[in-house]
Amino acid sequence: MERLLIEDNMKITTKQITMTAALLAICIVSQLFKNTSVYITGPIINTCIIIAVLNAGLISGVILSVITPVTSFFITGSPIVSAIPLIMPCIMIGNVLLAVTLSAVIRLFLRKENNTAKLIKKSETVAIVAGMILGSVVKAMFMGGVISNTLIPMFIPEKMMSKMAVFQATFSVTQLITALIGSVFAFVINTALKKIEKF
């Protein structure tokens, strides 16, 4: 994991491709339940993005961040995204911010000495938890500020005005909650994966 997080180049290995494809498949399956509850799909998407960053590198997390909003739209549709297309790239950016922030925070806890990554002062666990929390907050703040407080008030069709508060909550508070839930899931899964790798 450390090697992937501090890797200077953006080359994609077979392992990264395989893991990215597997995580994307999980995301797509979860999106079939999006209309049931955003609290099912949302945490799973965030979990997959975080797991991708931790185990397949930042590039994998970015790929999932960009693709999953598109697959979600084509699988279940979204009236508000259809009405305001600019929301789509903003969702992508929000996801990318989660991935980049997580990777950046962990990098701050790492240093290179003779091509070997070592943690600085804090433990790996603290670095990962801090990165997930900060990443979730950054994602929610960006989407809340740009989508909820700017795009929706400016461009929402009159026929959707009655649901504006719901849409705004969906792209702000809900994003924070689902990202944090996804962080918890990712932490548990990543811990289990590390134990399996030791055998």
C-alpha atoms as a PDB file:
ATOM      1  CA  MET A   1       0.000   0.000   0.000  1.00  0.00           C
ATOM      2  CA  GLU A   2       2.729   2.469   0.950  1.00  0.00           C
ATOM      3  CA  ARG A   3       4.499   1.861  -2.384  1.00  0.00           C
ATOM      4  CA  LEU A   4       1.365   2.686  -4.311  1.00  0.00           C
ATOM      5  CA  LEU A   5       0.638   5.836  -2.321  1.00  0.00           C
ATOM      6  CA  ILE A   6       4.093   7.340  -2.756  1.00  0.00           C
ATOM      7  CA  GLU A   7       4.681   6.147  -6.306  1.00  0.00           C
ATOM      8  CA  ASP A   8       5.872   9.080  -8.405  1.00  0.00           C
ATOM      9  CA  ASN A   9       4.727   7.814 -11.797  1.00  0.00           C
ATOM     10  CA  MET A  10       1.189   7.121 -12.951  1.00  0.00           C
ATOM     11  CA  LYS A  11       1.837   3.789 -14.669  1.00  0.00           C
ATOM     12  CA  ILE A  12      -0.956   1.269 -14.261  1.00  0.00           C
ATOM     13  CA  THR A  13      -0.048  -2.312 -13.400  1.00  0.00           C
ATOM     14  CA  THR A  14      -2.075  -5.462 -14.007  1.00  0.00           C
ATOM     15  CA  LYS A  15      -2.940  -5.601 -10.301  1.00  0.00           C
ATOM     16  CA  GLN A  16      -4.264  -2.043 -10.411  1.00  0.00           C
ATOM     17  CA  ILE A  17      -6.349  -2.735 -13.520  1.00  0.00           C
ATOM     18  CA  THR A  18      -7.815  -5.883 -11.978  1.00  0.00           C
ATOM     19  CA  MET A  19      -8.670  -4.240  -8.672  1.00  0.00           C
ATOM     20  CA  THR A  20     -10.095  -1.144 -10.360  1.00  0.00           C
ATOM     21  CA  ALA A  21     -12.313  -3.302 -12.586  1.00  0.00           C
ATOM     22  CA  ALA A  22     -13.517  -5.374  -9.624  1.00  0.00           C
ATOM     23  CA  LEU A  23     -14.328  -2.274  -7.555  1.00  0.00           C
ATOM     24  CA  LEU A  24     -16.092  -0.667 -10.528  1.00  0.00           C
ATOM     25  CA  ALA A  25     -18.237  -3.789 -10.896  1.00  0.00           C
ATOM     26  CA  ILE A  26     -19.206  -3.531  -7.213  1.00  0.00           C
ATOM     27  CA  CYS A  27     -20.097   0.129  -7.705  1.00  0.00           C
ATOM     28  CA  ILE A  28     -22.278  -0.623 -10.714  1.00  0.00           C
ATOM     29  CA  VAL A  29     -24.161  -3.375  -8.885  1.00  0.00           C
ATOM     30  CA  SER A  30     -24.758  -1.052  -5.917  1.00  0.00           C
ATOM     31  CA  GLN A  31     -26.119   1.628  -8.241  1.00  0.00           C
ATOM     32  CA  LEU A  32     -28.995  -0.661  -9.154  1.00  0.00           C
ATOM     33  CA  PHE A  33     -30.285   0.087  -5.631  1.00  0.00           C
ATOM     34  CA  LYS A  34     -29.801   3.852  -5.823  1.00  0.00           C
ATOM     35  CA  ASN A  35     -33.530   4.523  -6.126  1.00  0.00           C
ATOM     36  CA  THR A  36     -34.080   2.426  -2.996  1.00  0.00           C
ATOM     37  CA  SER A  37     -31.815   4.571  -0.839  1.00  0.00           C
ATOM     38  CA  VAL A  38     -28.831   6.837  -1.384  1.00  0.00           C
ATOM     39  CA  TYR A  39     -27.570   5.494   1.935  1.00  0.00           C
ATOM     40  CA  ILE A  40     -26.983   2.144   0.242  1.00  0.00           C
ATOM     41  CA  THR A  41     -25.258   3.298  -2.920  1.00  0.00           C
ATOM     42  CA  GLY A  42     -23.432   6.329  -1.509  1.00  0.00           C
ATOM     43  CA  PRO A  43     -21.407   4.546   1.183  1.00  0.00           C
ATOM     44  CA  ILE A  44     -20.510   1.702  -1.195  1.00  0.00           C
ATOM     45  CA  ILE A  45     -19.199   4.102  -3.865  1.00  0.00           C
ATOM     46  CA  ASN A  46     -17.129   5.990  -1.300  1.00  0.00           C
ATOM     47  CA  THR A  47     -15.860   2.722   0.165  1.00  0.00           C
ATOM     48  CA  CYS A  48     -14.685   1.536  -3.249  1.00  0.00           C
ATOM     49  CA  ILE A  49     -12.929   4.828  -4.005  1.00  0.00           C
ATOM     50  CA  ILE A  50     -11.053   4.703  -0.688  1.00  0.00           C
ATOM     51  CA  ILE A  51     -10.161   1.009  -1.035  1.00  0.00           C
ATOM     52  CA  ALA A  52      -8.896   1.768  -4.543  1.00  0.00           C
ATOM     53  CA  VAL A  53      -6.616   4.555  -3.309  1.00  0.00           C
ATOM     54  CA  LEU A  54      -5.246   2.476  -0.443  1.00  0.00           C
ATOM     55  CA  ASN A  55      -4.640  -0.717  -2.400  1.00  0.00           C
ATOM     56  CA  ALA A  56      -4.325   0.187  -6.076  1.00  0.00           C
ATOM     57  CA  GLY A  57      -3.043   3.754  -5.972  1.00  0.00           C
ATOM     58  CA  LEU A  58      -4.438   7.238  -6.533  1.00  0.00           C
ATOM     59  CA  ILE A  59      -4.940   6.703 -10.272  1.00  0.00           C
ATOM     60  CA  SER A  60      -7.360   3.865  -9.524  1.00  0.00           C
ATOM     61  CA  GLY A  61      -9.333   6.032  -7.122  1.00  0.00           C
ATOM     62  CA  VAL A  62      -9.503   8.840  -9.672  1.00  0.00           C
ATOM     63  CA  ILE A  63     -10.734   6.470 -12.389  1.00  0.00           C
ATOM     64  CA  LEU A  64     -13.582   5.269 -10.157  1.00  0.00           C
ATOM     65  CA  SER A  65     -14.335   8.854  -9.124  1.00  0.00           C
ATOM     66  CA  VAL A  66     -14.885   9.892 -12.729  1.00  0.00           C
ATOM     67  CA  ILE A  67     -16.642   6.812 -14.077  1.00  0.00           C
ATOM     68  CA  THR A  68     -19.134   6.057 -11.279  1.00  0.00           C
ATOM     69  CA  PRO A  69     -21.213   9.263 -11.649  1.00  0.00           C
ATOM     70  CA  VAL A  70     -21.655   8.451 -15.343  1.00  0.00           C
ATOM     71  CA  THR A  71     -22.687   4.831 -14.756  1.00  0.00           C
ATOM     72  CA  SER A  72     -25.032   5.954 -11.993  1.00  0.00           C
ATOM     73  CA  PHE A  73     -26.750   8.422 -14.315  1.00  0.00           C
ATOM     74  CA  PHE A  74     -27.250   5.876 -17.080  1.00  0.00           C
ATOM     75  CA  ILE A  75     -28.391   3.123 -14.709  1.00  0.00           C
ATOM     76  CA  THR A  76     -30.927   4.999 -12.584  1.00  0.00           C
ATOM     77  CA  GLY A  77     -31.093   8.485 -14.038  1.00  0.00           C
ATOM     78  CA  SER A  78     -31.382  11.714 -12.061  1.00  0.00           C
ATOM     79  CA  PRO A  79     -33.981  14.437 -12.703  1.00  0.00           C
ATOM     80  CA  ILE A  80     -31.825  17.158 -11.161  1.00  0.00           C
ATOM     81  CA  VAL A  81     -28.697  16.143 -13.092  1.00  0.00           C
ATOM     82  CA  SER A  82     -30.757  16.012 -16.292  1.00  0.00           C
ATOM     83  CA  ALA A  83     -32.045  19.502 -15.554  1.00  0.00           C
ATOM     84  CA  ILE A  84     -28.616  20.852 -14.542  1.00  0.00           C
ATOM     85  CA  PRO A  85     -25.908  18.931 -16.487  1.00  0.00           C
ATOM     86  CA  LEU A  86     -23.116  20.915 -14.801  1.00  0.00           C
ATOM     87  CA  ILE A  87     -23.782  18.899 -11.653  1.00  0.00           C
ATOM     88  CA  MET A  88     -22.227  15.809 -13.255  1.00  0.00           C
ATOM     89  CA  PRO A  89     -18.636  17.111 -13.506  1.00  0.00           C
ATOM     90  CA  CYS A  90     -18.965  18.593 -10.024  1.00  0.00           C
ATOM     91  CA  ILE A  91     -19.840  15.165  -8.619  1.00  0.00           C
ATOM     92  CA  MET A  92     -16.762  13.791 -10.368  1.00  0.00           C
ATOM     93  CA  ILE A  93     -14.596  16.532  -8.878  1.00  0.00           C
ATOM     94  CA  GLY A  94     -16.056  15.896  -5.417  1.00  0.00           C
ATOM     95  CA  ASN A  95     -15.129  12.223  -5.667  1.00  0.00           C
ATOM     96  CA  VAL A  96     -11.660  13.066  -6.956  1.00  0.00           C
ATOM     97  CA  LEU A  97     -11.162  15.433  -4.019  1.00  0.00           C
ATOM     98  CA  LEU A  98     -11.911  12.566  -1.634  1.00  0.00           C
ATOM     99  CA  ALA A  99      -9.315  10.373  -3.340  1.00  0.00           C
ATOM    100  CA  VAL A 100      -6.670  13.086  -3.684  1.00  0.00           C
ATOM    101  CA  THR A 101      -7.089  14.352  -0.122  1.00  0.00           C
ATOM    102  CA  LEU A 102      -6.774  10.844   1.307  1.00  0.00           C
ATOM    103  CA  SER A 103      -3.627  10.193  -0.721  1.00  0.00           C
ATOM    104  CA  ALA A 104      -2.155  13.610   0.137  1.00  0.00           C
ATOM    105  CA  VAL A 105      -2.733  13.244   3.882  1.00  0.00           C
ATOM    106  CA  ILE A 106      -1.075   9.833   3.940  1.00  0.00           C
ATOM    107  CA  ARG A 107       1.852  11.232   1.945  1.00  0.00           C
ATOM    108  CA  LEU A 108       2.326  13.857   4.642  1.00  0.00           C
ATOM    109  CA  PHE A 109       2.910  11.041   7.119  1.00  0.00           C
ATOM    110  CA  LEU A 110       5.452   9.394   4.848  1.00  0.00           C
ATOM    111  CA  ARG A 111       8.974  10.206   3.843  1.00  0.00           C
ATOM    112  CA  LYS A 112      11.410   8.586   1.470  1.00  0.00           C
ATOM    113  CA  GLU A 113      14.707   7.340   2.793  1.00  0.00           C
ATOM    114  CA  ASN A 114      16.762   5.167   0.463  1.00  0.00           C
ATOM    115  CA  ASN A 115      13.622   4.394  -1.568  1.00  0.00           C
ATOM    116  CA  THR A 116      11.899   3.038   1.538  1.00  0.00           C
ATOM    117  CA  ALA A 117       8.698   4.586   2.830  1.00  0.00           C
ATOM    118  CA  LYS A 118       8.587   5.209   6.549  1.00  0.00           C
ATOM    119  CA  LEU A 119       5.869   6.744   8.655  1.00  0.00           C
ATOM    120  CA  ILE A 120       6.698  10.019  10.347  1.00  0.00           C
ATOM    121  CA  LYS A 121       5.725  10.062  14.058  1.00  0.00           C
ATOM    122  CA  LYS A 122       2.130   8.965  13.575  1.00  0.00           C
ATOM    123  CA  SER A 123       1.013   5.455  12.812  1.00  0.00           C
ATOM    124  CA  GLU A 124      -0.328   4.263   9.488  1.00  0.00           C
ATOM    125  CA  THR A 125      -3.773   3.868  11.028  1.00  0.00           C
ATOM    126  CA  VAL A 126      -3.889   7.490  12.186  1.00  0.00           C
ATOM    127  CA  ALA A 127      -2.815   8.658   8.726  1.00  0.00           C
ATOM    128  CA  ILE A 128      -5.515   6.653   6.986  1.00  0.00           C
ATOM    129  CA  VAL A 129      -8.277   7.710   9.400  1.00  0.00           C
ATOM    130  CA  ALA A 130      -7.263  11.374   9.205  1.00  0.00           C
ATOM    131  CA  GLY A 131      -7.162  11.198   5.418  1.00  0.00           C
ATOM    132  CA  MET A 132     -10.606   9.619   5.170  1.00  0.00           C
ATOM    133  CA  ILE A 133     -12.204  12.138   7.531  1.00  0.00           C
ATOM    134  CA  LEU A 134     -10.607  15.156   5.902  1.00  0.00           C
ATOM    135  CA  GLY A 135     -11.361  13.786   2.450  1.00  0.00           C
ATOM    136  CA  SER A 136     -15.022  13.331   3.360  1.00  0.00           C
ATOM    137  CA  VAL A 137     -15.249  16.884   4.674  1.00  0.00           C
ATOM    138  CA  VAL A 138     -13.503  18.387   1.651  1.00  0.00           C
ATOM    139  CA  LYS A 139     -15.775  16.472  -0.722  1.00  0.00           C
ATOM    140  CA  ALA A 140     -18.940  17.544   1.110  1.00  0.00           C
ATOM    141  CA  MET A 141     -17.831  21.169   1.366  1.00  0.00           C
ATOM    142  CA  PHE A 142     -17.022  21.377  -2.335  1.00  0.00           C
ATOM    143  CA  MET A 143     -20.267  19.752  -3.455  1.00  0.00           C
ATOM    144  CA  GLY A 144     -22.288  21.736  -0.942  1.00  0.00           C
ATOM    145  CA  GLY A 145     -20.732  25.023  -1.964  1.00  0.00           C
ATOM    146  CA  VAL A 146     -20.771  24.512  -5.721  1.00  0.00           C
ATOM    147  CA  ILE A 147     -23.796  22.289  -6.309  1.00  0.00           C
ATOM    148  CA  SER A 148     -26.155  23.010  -3.396  1.00  0.00           C
ATOM    149  CA  ASN A 149     -25.466  26.702  -2.912  1.00  0.00           C
ATOM    150  CA  THR A 150     -24.600  27.775  -6.459  1.00  0.00           C
ATOM    151  CA  LEU A 151     -25.755  25.566  -9.328  1.00  0.00           C
ATOM    152  CA  ILE A 152     -29.097  24.445  -7.898  1.00  0.00           C
ATOM    153  CA  PRO A 153     -30.318  27.924  -6.839  1.00  0.00           C
ATOM    154  CA  MET A 154     -29.183  29.400 -10.156  1.00  0.00           C
ATOM    155  CA  PHE A 155     -30.441  26.800 -12.614  1.00  0.00           C
ATOM    156  CA  ILE A 156     -33.170  24.693 -10.999  1.00  0.00           C
ATOM    157  CA  PRO A 157     -36.304  24.630 -13.175  1.00  0.00           C
ATOM    158  CA  GLU A 158     -39.376  26.270 -11.709  1.00  0.00           C
ATOM    159  CA  LYS A 159     -41.258  22.965 -11.677  1.00  0.00           C
ATOM    160  CA  MET A 160     -38.610  21.545  -9.298  1.00  0.00           C
ATOM    161  CA  MET A 161     -38.518  24.492  -6.904  1.00  0.00           C
ATOM    162  CA  SER A 162     -40.614  22.649  -4.323  1.00  0.00           C
ATOM    163  CA  LYS A 163     -37.852  20.026  -4.016  1.00  0.00           C
ATOM    164  CA  MET A 164     -34.918  22.424  -3.946  1.00  0.00           C
ATOM    165  CA  ALA A 165     -34.229  21.951  -0.223  1.00  0.00           C
ATOM    166  CA  VAL A 166     -34.140  18.170  -0.715  1.00  0.00           C
ATOM    167  CA  PHE A 167     -31.725  18.453  -3.638  1.00  0.00           C
ATOM    168  CA  GLN A 168     -29.504  20.825  -1.684  1.00  0.00           C
ATOM    169  CA  ALA A 169     -29.359  18.449   1.285  1.00  0.00           C
ATOM    170  CA  THR A 170     -28.583  15.542  -1.041  1.00  0.00           C
ATOM    171  CA  PHE A 171     -25.475  17.271  -2.372  1.00  0.00           C
ATOM    172  CA  SER A 172     -24.206  18.556   0.958  1.00  0.00           C
ATOM    173  CA  VAL A 173     -25.107  16.939   4.292  1.00  0.00           C
ATOM    174  CA  THR A 174     -25.949  13.602   2.692  1.00  0.00           C
ATOM    175  CA  GLN A 175     -22.584  13.585   0.915  1.00  0.00           C
ATOM    176  CA  LEU A 176     -20.764  14.043   4.210  1.00  0.00           C
ATOM    177  CA  ILE A 177     -22.731  11.286   5.925  1.00  0.00           C
ATOM    178  CA  THR A 178     -22.324   8.762   3.103  1.00  0.00           C
ATOM    179  CA  ALA A 179     -18.615   9.545   2.763  1.00  0.00           C
ATOM    180  CA  LEU A 180     -18.045   9.027   6.488  1.00  0.00           C
ATOM    181  CA  ILE A 181     -20.030   5.784   6.476  1.00  0.00           C
ATOM    182  CA  GLY A 182     -18.012   4.660   3.467  1.00  0.00           C
ATOM    183  CA  SER A 183     -14.840   5.546   5.358  1.00  0.00           C
ATOM    184  CA  VAL A 184     -15.824   3.263   8.219  1.00  0.00           C
ATOM    185  CA  PHE A 185     -16.568   0.413   5.804  1.00  0.00           C
ATOM    186  CA  ALA A 186     -13.288   1.018   3.951  1.00  0.00           C
ATOM    187  CA  PHE A 187     -11.272   1.030   7.179  1.00  0.00           C
ATOM    188  CA  VAL A 188     -12.747  -2.307   8.263  1.00  0.00           C
ATOM    189  CA  ILE A 189     -12.258  -3.877   4.822  1.00  0.00           C
ATOM    190  CA  ASN A 190      -8.734  -2.518   4.423  1.00  0.00           C
ATOM    191  CA  THR A 191      -7.764  -3.854   7.858  1.00  0.00           C
ATOM    192  CA  ALA A 192      -9.057  -7.276   6.863  1.00  0.00           C
ATOM    193  CA  LEU A 193      -7.189  -7.151   3.532  1.00  0.00           C
ATOM    194  CA  LYS A 194      -3.931  -6.334   5.308  1.00  0.00           C
ATOM    195  CA  LYS A 195      -4.356  -9.335   7.597  1.00  0.00           C
ATOM    196  CA  ILE A 196      -5.049 -11.606   4.620  1.00  0.00           C
ATOM    197  CA  GLU A 197      -1.921 -10.326   2.828  1.00  0.00           C
ATOM    198  CA  LYS A 198       0.216 -11.431   5.786  1.00  0.00           C
ATOM    199  CA  PHE A 199      -0.714 -15.075   5.254  1.00  0.00           C
END
